[in-house]
Amino acid sequence: MAAEETLKSLQEAIFDGELQDAKAAAQKAVDEGIASNQILNDSILPAILEIGESMEEGDFFMPEVKISTKTLLEVAEILRSYIINSEKKADYSVPPWIGEGDIDDIGTYLKAVAEENKDLSPEEQMGILDMVASGLDTHEFTPCKIQATEANDE
């Protein structure tokens, strides 16, 4: 029961962009020895899915996504060594960021990422987590850039 509460609080803190709460929940999950695949499948991927769904429904916009992304980046820092060490892997690869299109497409992309990667190994999921977090953090989703890109395409 305690593990479920920890994982739920981690998911909610990431979605809400509550940085300190998310870091504390991630560290608690590590300290409790919760399996890395359980942390990823029961907290991280559901949070990414929830962010994507909220974008698609128009309840979440880029400011909220950026806040959640910063939180996700911090959580990834806490989980990285735990996941890699628990899986006895020296390294993992980060897939390239391919979330392109307008803002509405990003929500669909995030949902697909979360839904398609539940069966990957924990270290592969860590690569996906890093890709999503760094991709959202570095990608510019400003209306001006999107309009300029669309104008250049014509």
N, C-alpha and C. Protein backbone atom coordinates (compact mmCIF):
# COMPACT_ATOMS: atom_id res chain seq x y z
N MET A 1 0.82 -1.20 0.00
CA MET A 1 0.00 0.00 0.00
C MET A 1 0.87 1.26 0.00
N ALA A 2 1.94 1.24 0.77
CA ALA A 2 2.82 2.41 0.83
C ALA A 2 3.45 2.69 -0.53
N ALA A 3 3.83 1.62 -1.24
CA ALA A 3 4.43 1.80 -2.56
C ALA A 3 3.44 2.45 -3.53
N GLU A 4 2.18 2.00 -3.48
CA GLU A 4 1.16 2.58 -4.36
C GLU A 4 0.96 4.06 -4.09
N GLU A 5 0.98 4.44 -2.81
CA GLU A 5 0.82 5.84 -2.44
C GLU A 5 2.00 6.67 -2.92
N THR A 6 3.19 6.13 -2.77
CA THR A 6 4.40 6.83 -3.23
C THR A 6 4.35 7.04 -4.73
N LEU A 7 3.99 5.99 -5.46
CA LEU A 7 3.94 6.08 -6.92
C LEU A 7 2.85 7.04 -7.38
N LYS A 8 1.72 7.01 -6.73
CA LYS A 8 0.63 7.93 -7.09
C LYS A 8 1.03 9.38 -6.81
N SER A 9 1.68 9.60 -5.68
CA SER A 9 2.10 10.97 -5.35
C SER A 9 3.17 11.46 -6.33
N LEU A 10 4.03 10.57 -6.80
CA LEU A 10 5.03 10.94 -7.80
C LEU A 10 4.34 11.33 -9.11
N GLN A 11 3.40 10.52 -9.55
CA GLN A 11 2.66 10.82 -10.78
C GLN A 11 1.96 12.17 -10.69
N GLU A 12 1.26 12.40 -9.60
CA GLU A 12 0.52 13.65 -9.43
C GLU A 12 1.45 14.85 -9.35
N ALA A 13 2.57 14.70 -8.66
CA ALA A 13 3.50 15.82 -8.53
C ALA A 13 4.12 16.18 -9.88
N ILE A 14 4.43 15.18 -10.71
CA ILE A 14 4.96 15.47 -12.04
C ILE A 14 3.91 16.20 -12.87
N PHE A 15 2.71 15.67 -12.88
CA PHE A 15 1.64 16.28 -13.67
C PHE A 15 1.38 17.72 -13.22
N ASP A 16 1.36 17.94 -11.90
CA ASP A 16 1.07 19.27 -11.36
C ASP A 16 2.28 20.20 -11.40
N GLY A 17 3.45 19.66 -11.74
CA GLY A 17 4.65 20.49 -11.78
C GLY A 17 5.14 20.90 -10.41
N GLU A 18 4.85 20.09 -9.41
CA GLU A 18 5.27 20.36 -8.03
C GLU A 18 6.67 19.77 -7.84
N LEU A 19 7.67 20.58 -8.12
CA LEU A 19 9.05 20.11 -8.17
C LEU A 19 9.51 19.44 -6.87
N GLN A 20 9.37 20.11 -5.75
CA GLN A 20 9.87 19.55 -4.49
C GLN A 20 9.13 18.27 -4.11
N ASP A 21 7.82 18.25 -4.32
CA ASP A 21 7.04 17.05 -4.01
C ASP A 21 7.45 15.89 -4.91
N ALA A 22 7.69 16.18 -6.18
CA ALA A 22 8.09 15.13 -7.12
C ALA A 22 9.47 14.58 -6.76
N LYS A 23 10.40 15.46 -6.44
CA LYS A 23 11.74 15.00 -6.06
C LYS A 23 11.68 14.15 -4.79
N ALA A 24 10.88 14.59 -3.83
CA ALA A 24 10.75 13.83 -2.59
C ALA A 24 10.11 12.46 -2.84
N ALA A 25 9.08 12.42 -3.68
CA ALA A 25 8.42 11.14 -3.99
C ALA A 25 9.35 10.21 -4.76
N ALA A 26 10.12 10.76 -5.70
CA ALA A 26 11.07 9.94 -6.46
C ALA A 26 12.13 9.36 -5.53
N GLN A 27 12.65 10.19 -4.65
CA GLN A 27 13.66 9.71 -3.71
C GLN A 27 13.07 8.67 -2.76
N LYS A 28 11.83 8.88 -2.34
CA LYS A 28 11.16 7.92 -1.47
C LYS A 28 10.98 6.58 -2.18
N ALA A 29 10.62 6.63 -3.46
CA ALA A 29 10.46 5.39 -4.24
C ALA A 29 11.78 4.63 -4.30
N VAL A 30 12.86 5.37 -4.52
CA VAL A 30 14.20 4.75 -4.57
C VAL A 30 14.54 4.17 -3.20
N ASP A 31 14.33 4.97 -2.15
CA ASP A 31 14.66 4.52 -0.79
C ASP A 31 13.84 3.30 -0.37
N GLU A 32 12.60 3.22 -0.84
CA GLU A 32 11.74 2.08 -0.52
C GLU A 32 12.09 0.85 -1.36
N GLY A 33 12.97 1.03 -2.33
CA GLY A 33 13.38 -0.10 -3.16
C GLY A 33 12.31 -0.55 -4.14
N ILE A 34 11.43 0.35 -4.53
CA ILE A 34 10.40 0.01 -5.51
C ILE A 34 11.10 -0.30 -6.83
N ALA A 35 10.70 -1.36 -7.49
CA ALA A 35 11.34 -1.78 -8.73
C ALA A 35 11.30 -0.66 -9.76
N SER A 36 12.38 -0.53 -10.50
CA SER A 36 12.49 0.56 -11.47
C SER A 36 11.40 0.50 -12.52
N ASN A 37 11.07 -0.71 -12.99
CA ASN A 37 10.00 -0.79 -14.00
C ASN A 37 8.65 -0.40 -13.41
N GLN A 38 8.44 -0.61 -12.13
CA GLN A 38 7.20 -0.21 -11.49
C GLN A 38 7.13 1.31 -11.36
N ILE A 39 8.25 1.94 -11.03
CA ILE A 39 8.28 3.41 -10.95
C ILE A 39 7.94 4.00 -12.31
N LEU A 40 8.56 3.46 -13.35
CA LEU A 40 8.33 3.99 -14.69
C LEU A 40 6.91 3.71 -15.18
N ASN A 41 6.45 2.47 -15.02
CA ASN A 41 5.13 2.09 -15.55
C ASN A 41 3.96 2.61 -14.72
N ASP A 42 4.16 2.80 -13.43
CA ASP A 42 3.04 3.20 -12.57
C ASP A 42 3.06 4.68 -12.20
N SER A 43 4.13 5.40 -12.55
CA SER A 43 4.20 6.82 -12.21
C SER A 43 4.58 7.70 -13.40
N ILE A 44 5.74 7.41 -13.98
CA ILE A 44 6.29 8.30 -14.99
C ILE A 44 5.48 8.26 -16.28
N LEU A 45 5.31 7.08 -16.86
CA LEU A 45 4.56 6.99 -18.12
C LEU A 45 3.10 7.44 -17.95
N PRO A 46 2.42 7.10 -16.85
CA PRO A 46 1.07 7.64 -16.68
C PRO A 46 1.04 9.17 -16.58
N ALA A 47 2.06 9.76 -15.96
CA ALA A 47 2.12 11.22 -15.88
C ALA A 47 2.29 11.82 -17.28
N ILE A 48 3.16 11.22 -18.10
CA ILE A 48 3.36 11.70 -19.47
C ILE A 48 2.07 11.54 -20.26
N LEU A 49 1.41 10.41 -20.10
CA LEU A 49 0.13 10.17 -20.78
C LEU A 49 -0.91 11.21 -20.36
N GLU A 50 -0.96 11.49 -19.09
CA GLU A 50 -1.93 12.46 -18.56
C GLU A 50 -1.64 13.87 -19.11
N ILE A 51 -0.38 14.22 -19.22
CA ILE A 51 0.00 15.52 -19.80
C ILE A 51 -0.46 15.58 -21.25
N GLY A 52 -0.19 14.51 -22.01
CA GLY A 52 -0.60 14.46 -23.42
C GLY A 52 -2.11 14.57 -23.57
N GLU A 53 -2.85 13.84 -22.73
CA GLU A 53 -4.31 13.89 -22.80
C GLU A 53 -4.83 15.29 -22.46
N SER A 54 -4.23 15.91 -21.48
CA SER A 54 -4.66 17.25 -21.08
C SER A 54 -4.38 18.27 -22.18
N MET A 55 -3.29 18.08 -22.91
CA MET A 55 -3.01 18.97 -24.04
C MET A 55 -4.04 18.76 -25.14
N GLU A 56 -4.33 17.51 -25.45
CA GLU A 56 -5.31 17.22 -26.50
C GLU A 56 -6.68 17.79 -26.18
N GLU A 57 -7.04 17.73 -24.91
CA GLU A 57 -8.36 18.22 -24.50
C GLU A 57 -8.41 19.72 -24.31
N GLY A 58 -7.27 20.38 -24.43
CA GLY A 58 -7.24 21.83 -24.28
C GLY A 58 -7.22 22.30 -22.83
N ASP A 59 -6.92 21.39 -21.90
CA ASP A 59 -6.85 21.75 -20.49
C ASP A 59 -5.43 22.13 -20.07
N PHE A 60 -4.47 21.78 -20.89
CA PHE A 60 -3.06 22.03 -20.60
C PHE A 60 -2.48 22.78 -21.78
N PHE A 61 -1.70 23.79 -21.51
CA PHE A 61 -1.05 24.56 -22.56
C PHE A 61 0.45 24.56 -22.30
N MET A 62 1.22 25.15 -23.17
CA MET A 62 2.66 25.05 -23.07
C MET A 62 3.23 25.56 -21.74
N PRO A 63 2.70 26.59 -21.12
CA PRO A 63 3.27 26.96 -19.81
C PRO A 63 3.17 25.82 -18.80
N GLU A 64 2.03 25.13 -18.77
CA GLU A 64 1.88 24.00 -17.86
C GLU A 64 2.80 22.85 -18.25
N VAL A 65 2.92 22.61 -19.54
CA VAL A 65 3.80 21.54 -20.02
C VAL A 65 5.25 21.84 -19.65
N LYS A 66 5.66 23.08 -19.79
CA LYS A 66 7.04 23.44 -19.44
C LYS A 66 7.30 23.23 -17.95
N ILE A 67 6.34 23.57 -17.11
CA ILE A 67 6.51 23.37 -15.67
C ILE A 67 6.60 21.87 -15.35
N SER A 68 5.73 21.08 -15.95
CA SER A 68 5.77 19.63 -15.74
C SER A 68 7.07 19.04 -16.29
N THR A 69 7.55 19.59 -17.40
CA THR A 69 8.78 19.10 -18.01
C THR A 69 9.98 19.36 -17.10
N LYS A 70 10.06 20.54 -16.53
CA LYS A 70 11.16 20.83 -15.60
C LYS A 70 11.14 19.85 -14.43
N THR A 71 9.95 19.54 -13.96
CA THR A 71 9.79 18.57 -12.88
C THR A 71 10.25 17.19 -13.34
N LEU A 72 9.86 16.81 -14.54
CA LEU A 72 10.25 15.52 -15.10
C LEU A 72 11.77 15.42 -15.24
N LEU A 73 12.42 16.49 -15.65
CA LEU A 73 13.88 16.51 -15.78
C LEU A 73 14.55 16.26 -14.42
N GLU A 74 14.04 16.89 -13.38
CA GLU A 74 14.61 16.70 -12.04
C GLU A 74 14.40 15.28 -11.54
N VAL A 75 13.23 14.74 -11.78
CA VAL A 75 12.94 13.37 -11.37
C VAL A 75 13.85 12.40 -12.13
N ALA A 76 14.06 12.67 -13.40
CA ALA A 76 14.94 11.82 -14.21
C ALA A 76 16.35 11.78 -13.62
N GLU A 77 16.81 12.91 -13.10
CA GLU A 77 18.15 12.94 -12.49
C GLU A 77 18.22 12.03 -11.27
N ILE A 78 17.16 11.99 -10.49
CA ILE A 78 17.13 11.13 -9.30
C ILE A 78 17.05 9.66 -9.70
N LEU A 79 16.26 9.36 -10.72
CA LEU A 79 16.03 7.96 -11.09
C LEU A 79 17.12 7.35 -11.96
N ARG A 80 17.86 8.18 -12.68
CA ARG A 80 18.81 7.66 -13.67
C ARG A 80 19.78 6.64 -13.08
N SER A 81 20.51 7.01 -12.06
CA SER A 81 21.51 6.08 -11.53
C SER A 81 20.84 4.86 -10.88
N TYR A 82 19.70 5.07 -10.25
CA TYR A 82 18.98 3.95 -9.63
C TYR A 82 18.55 2.93 -10.68
N ILE A 83 18.01 3.40 -11.78
CA ILE A 83 17.53 2.50 -12.82
C ILE A 83 18.70 1.80 -13.50
N ILE A 84 19.71 2.54 -13.83
CA ILE A 84 20.86 1.94 -14.51
C ILE A 84 21.56 0.94 -13.59
N ASN A 85 21.75 1.29 -12.31
CA ASN A 85 22.40 0.39 -11.37
C ASN A 85 21.55 -0.83 -11.07
N SER A 86 20.24 -0.66 -10.96
CA SER A 86 19.39 -1.81 -10.64
C SER A 86 19.29 -2.78 -11.81
N GLU A 87 19.50 -2.27 -13.00
CA GLU A 87 19.44 -3.14 -14.18
C GLU A 87 20.83 -3.66 -14.57
N LYS A 88 21.85 -3.24 -13.83
CA LYS A 88 23.23 -3.68 -14.08
C LYS A 88 23.68 -3.37 -15.52
N LYS A 89 23.20 -2.25 -16.02
CA LYS A 89 23.58 -1.83 -17.36
C LYS A 89 24.51 -0.63 -17.24
N ALA A 90 25.49 -0.57 -18.08
CA ALA A 90 26.43 0.54 -18.03
C ALA A 90 25.88 1.77 -18.73
N ASP A 91 25.02 1.56 -19.70
CA ASP A 91 24.57 2.70 -20.48
C ASP A 91 23.21 2.39 -21.10
N TYR A 92 22.60 3.40 -21.63
CA TYR A 92 21.35 3.25 -22.37
C TYR A 92 21.35 4.34 -23.42
N SER A 93 20.53 4.17 -24.41
CA SER A 93 20.51 5.19 -25.46
C SER A 93 19.25 6.02 -25.37
N VAL A 94 19.41 7.29 -25.70
CA VAL A 94 18.30 8.21 -25.72
C VAL A 94 17.84 8.35 -27.16
N PRO A 95 16.60 7.96 -27.46
CA PRO A 95 16.13 8.09 -28.84
C PRO A 95 16.05 9.56 -29.24
N PRO A 96 16.09 9.84 -30.53
CA PRO A 96 15.98 11.23 -30.95
C PRO A 96 14.57 11.77 -30.72
N TRP A 97 14.48 13.05 -30.45
CA TRP A 97 13.18 13.71 -30.27
C TRP A 97 12.54 13.85 -31.64
N ILE A 98 11.34 13.30 -31.78
CA ILE A 98 10.66 13.40 -33.07
C ILE A 98 9.28 14.03 -32.93
N GLY A 99 9.05 14.69 -31.79
CA GLY A 99 7.77 15.36 -31.59
C GLY A 99 7.72 16.64 -32.39
N GLU A 100 7.15 16.58 -33.55
CA GLU A 100 7.09 17.74 -34.43
C GLU A 100 5.64 18.09 -34.72
N GLY A 101 5.44 19.25 -35.26
CA GLY A 101 4.11 19.68 -35.61
C GLY A 101 3.71 20.85 -34.74
N ASP A 102 2.42 21.13 -34.74
CA ASP A 102 1.99 22.26 -33.93
C ASP A 102 1.74 21.80 -32.50
N ILE A 103 1.36 22.72 -31.66
CA ILE A 103 1.20 22.43 -30.24
C ILE A 103 0.22 21.28 -30.01
N ASP A 104 -0.87 21.25 -30.75
CA ASP A 104 -1.86 20.19 -30.55
C ASP A 104 -1.29 18.81 -30.85
N ASP A 105 -0.36 18.72 -31.79
CA ASP A 105 0.24 17.44 -32.13
C ASP A 105 1.11 16.89 -31.00
N ILE A 106 1.67 17.78 -30.19
CA ILE A 106 2.56 17.34 -29.12
C ILE A 106 1.80 16.49 -28.11
N GLY A 107 0.57 16.86 -27.78
CA GLY A 107 -0.23 16.06 -26.86
C GLY A 107 -0.44 14.65 -27.37
N THR A 108 -0.76 14.53 -28.65
CA THR A 108 -0.96 13.22 -29.27
C THR A 108 0.34 12.42 -29.23
N TYR A 109 1.45 13.10 -29.51
CA TYR A 109 2.76 12.45 -29.49
C TYR A 109 3.09 11.93 -28.09
N LEU A 110 2.84 12.74 -27.07
CA LEU A 110 3.13 12.31 -25.70
C LEU A 110 2.30 11.10 -25.29
N LYS A 111 1.03 11.11 -25.67
CA LYS A 111 0.18 9.95 -25.39
C LYS A 111 0.73 8.70 -26.06
N ALA A 112 1.13 8.82 -27.31
CA ALA A 112 1.67 7.66 -28.03
C ALA A 112 2.94 7.15 -27.37
N VAL A 113 3.82 8.07 -26.96
CA VAL A 113 5.07 7.68 -26.30
C VAL A 113 4.75 6.88 -25.03
N ALA A 114 3.83 7.38 -24.23
CA ALA A 114 3.50 6.71 -22.97
C ALA A 114 2.86 5.35 -23.20
N GLU A 115 1.98 5.27 -24.18
CA GLU A 115 1.25 4.03 -24.42
C GLU A 115 2.13 2.96 -25.08
N GLU A 116 3.07 3.38 -25.92
CA GLU A 116 3.85 2.43 -26.70
C GLU A 116 5.07 1.88 -25.97
N ASN A 117 5.45 2.45 -24.83
CA ASN A 117 6.72 2.10 -24.23
C ASN A 117 6.63 1.37 -22.89
N LYS A 118 5.46 0.88 -22.55
CA LYS A 118 5.30 0.18 -21.27
C LYS A 118 6.01 -1.16 -21.25
N ASP A 119 6.24 -1.77 -22.39
CA ASP A 119 6.85 -3.09 -22.42
C ASP A 119 8.36 -3.06 -22.61
N LEU A 120 8.94 -1.88 -22.67
CA LEU A 120 10.38 -1.77 -22.81
C LEU A 120 11.06 -2.08 -21.48
N SER A 121 12.34 -2.37 -21.54
CA SER A 121 13.10 -2.58 -20.31
C SER A 121 13.22 -1.24 -19.58
N PRO A 122 13.51 -1.28 -18.28
CA PRO A 122 13.64 -0.03 -17.53
C PRO A 122 14.70 0.92 -18.10
N GLU A 123 15.82 0.37 -18.55
CA GLU A 123 16.84 1.28 -19.09
C GLU A 123 16.39 1.88 -20.42
N GLU A 124 15.63 1.13 -21.22
CA GLU A 124 15.08 1.70 -22.46
C GLU A 124 14.03 2.76 -22.14
N GLN A 125 13.22 2.51 -21.11
CA GLN A 125 12.25 3.50 -20.69
C GLN A 125 12.93 4.76 -20.16
N MET A 126 14.07 4.59 -19.50
CA MET A 126 14.83 5.75 -19.02
C MET A 126 15.28 6.59 -20.20
N GLY A 127 15.67 5.94 -21.28
CA GLY A 127 16.03 6.67 -22.49
C GLY A 127 14.84 7.44 -23.04
N ILE A 128 13.66 6.83 -23.01
CA ILE A 128 12.44 7.51 -23.47
C ILE A 128 12.14 8.69 -22.56
N LEU A 129 12.26 8.49 -21.26
CA LEU A 129 12.03 9.57 -20.31
C LEU A 129 12.96 10.74 -20.59
N ASP A 130 14.23 10.46 -20.79
CA ASP A 130 15.19 11.51 -21.10
C ASP A 130 14.84 12.22 -22.41
N MET A 131 14.42 11.45 -23.40
CA MET A 131 14.07 12.04 -24.70
C MET A 131 12.88 12.97 -24.55
N VAL A 132 11.85 12.53 -23.85
CA VAL A 132 10.65 13.36 -23.69
C VAL A 132 10.99 14.62 -22.90
N ALA A 133 11.67 14.44 -21.78
CA ALA A 133 11.98 15.59 -20.93
C ALA A 133 12.89 16.59 -21.64
N SER A 134 13.96 16.11 -22.25
CA SER A 134 14.86 17.05 -22.92
C SER A 134 14.24 17.61 -24.19
N GLY A 135 13.45 16.80 -24.88
CA GLY A 135 12.80 17.29 -26.10
C GLY A 135 11.81 18.39 -25.79
N LEU A 136 10.99 18.21 -24.77
CA LEU A 136 10.04 19.24 -24.40
C LEU A 136 10.73 20.46 -23.83
N ASP A 137 11.85 20.24 -23.14
CA ASP A 137 12.56 21.36 -22.52
C ASP A 137 13.25 22.23 -23.57
N THR A 138 13.76 21.63 -24.63
CA THR A 138 14.54 22.40 -25.60
C THR A 138 13.73 22.82 -26.82
N HIS A 139 12.60 22.17 -27.05
CA HIS A 139 11.81 22.50 -28.23
C HIS A 139 11.02 23.78 -27.99
N GLU A 140 11.01 24.65 -28.96
CA GLU A 140 10.29 25.91 -28.83
C GLU A 140 8.91 25.77 -29.44
N PHE A 141 7.92 25.92 -28.61
CA PHE A 141 6.53 25.80 -29.06
C PHE A 141 5.83 27.14 -29.01
N THR A 142 6.51 28.19 -29.36
CA THR A 142 5.86 29.49 -29.30
C THR A 142 5.00 29.68 -30.55
N PRO A 143 3.88 30.35 -30.42
CA PRO A 143 3.03 30.58 -31.60
C PRO A 143 3.77 31.28 -32.73
N CYS A 144 4.67 32.21 -32.39
CA CYS A 144 5.43 32.92 -33.44
C CYS A 144 6.29 31.96 -34.25
N LYS A 145 6.96 31.05 -33.56
CA LYS A 145 7.81 30.09 -34.28
C LYS A 145 6.96 29.18 -35.16
N ILE A 146 5.84 28.73 -34.63
CA ILE A 146 4.97 27.85 -35.40
C ILE A 146 4.43 28.58 -36.62
N GLN A 147 4.00 29.82 -36.44
CA GLN A 147 3.50 30.59 -37.57
C GLN A 147 4.60 30.81 -38.60
N ALA A 148 5.82 31.09 -38.12
CA ALA A 148 6.92 31.32 -39.05
C ALA A 148 7.24 30.05 -39.81
N THR A 149 7.21 28.91 -39.13
CA THR A 149 7.47 27.64 -39.79
C THR A 149 6.40 27.36 -40.83
N GLU A 150 5.15 27.58 -40.46
CA GLU A 150 4.06 27.35 -41.42
C GLU A 150 4.16 28.29 -42.61
N ALA A 151 4.56 29.52 -42.38
CA ALA A 151 4.68 30.49 -43.48
C ALA A 151 5.80 30.08 -44.42
N ASN A 152 6.90 29.54 -43.85
CA ASN A 152 8.04 29.11 -44.67
C ASN A 152 7.72 27.88 -45.50
N ASP A 153 6.80 27.06 -45.01
CA ASP A 153 6.43 25.85 -45.71
C ASP A 153 5.59 26.12 -46.95
N GLU A 154 4.95 27.27 -47.01
CA GLU A 154 4.04 27.57 -48.13
C GLU A 154 4.78 27.94 -49.38
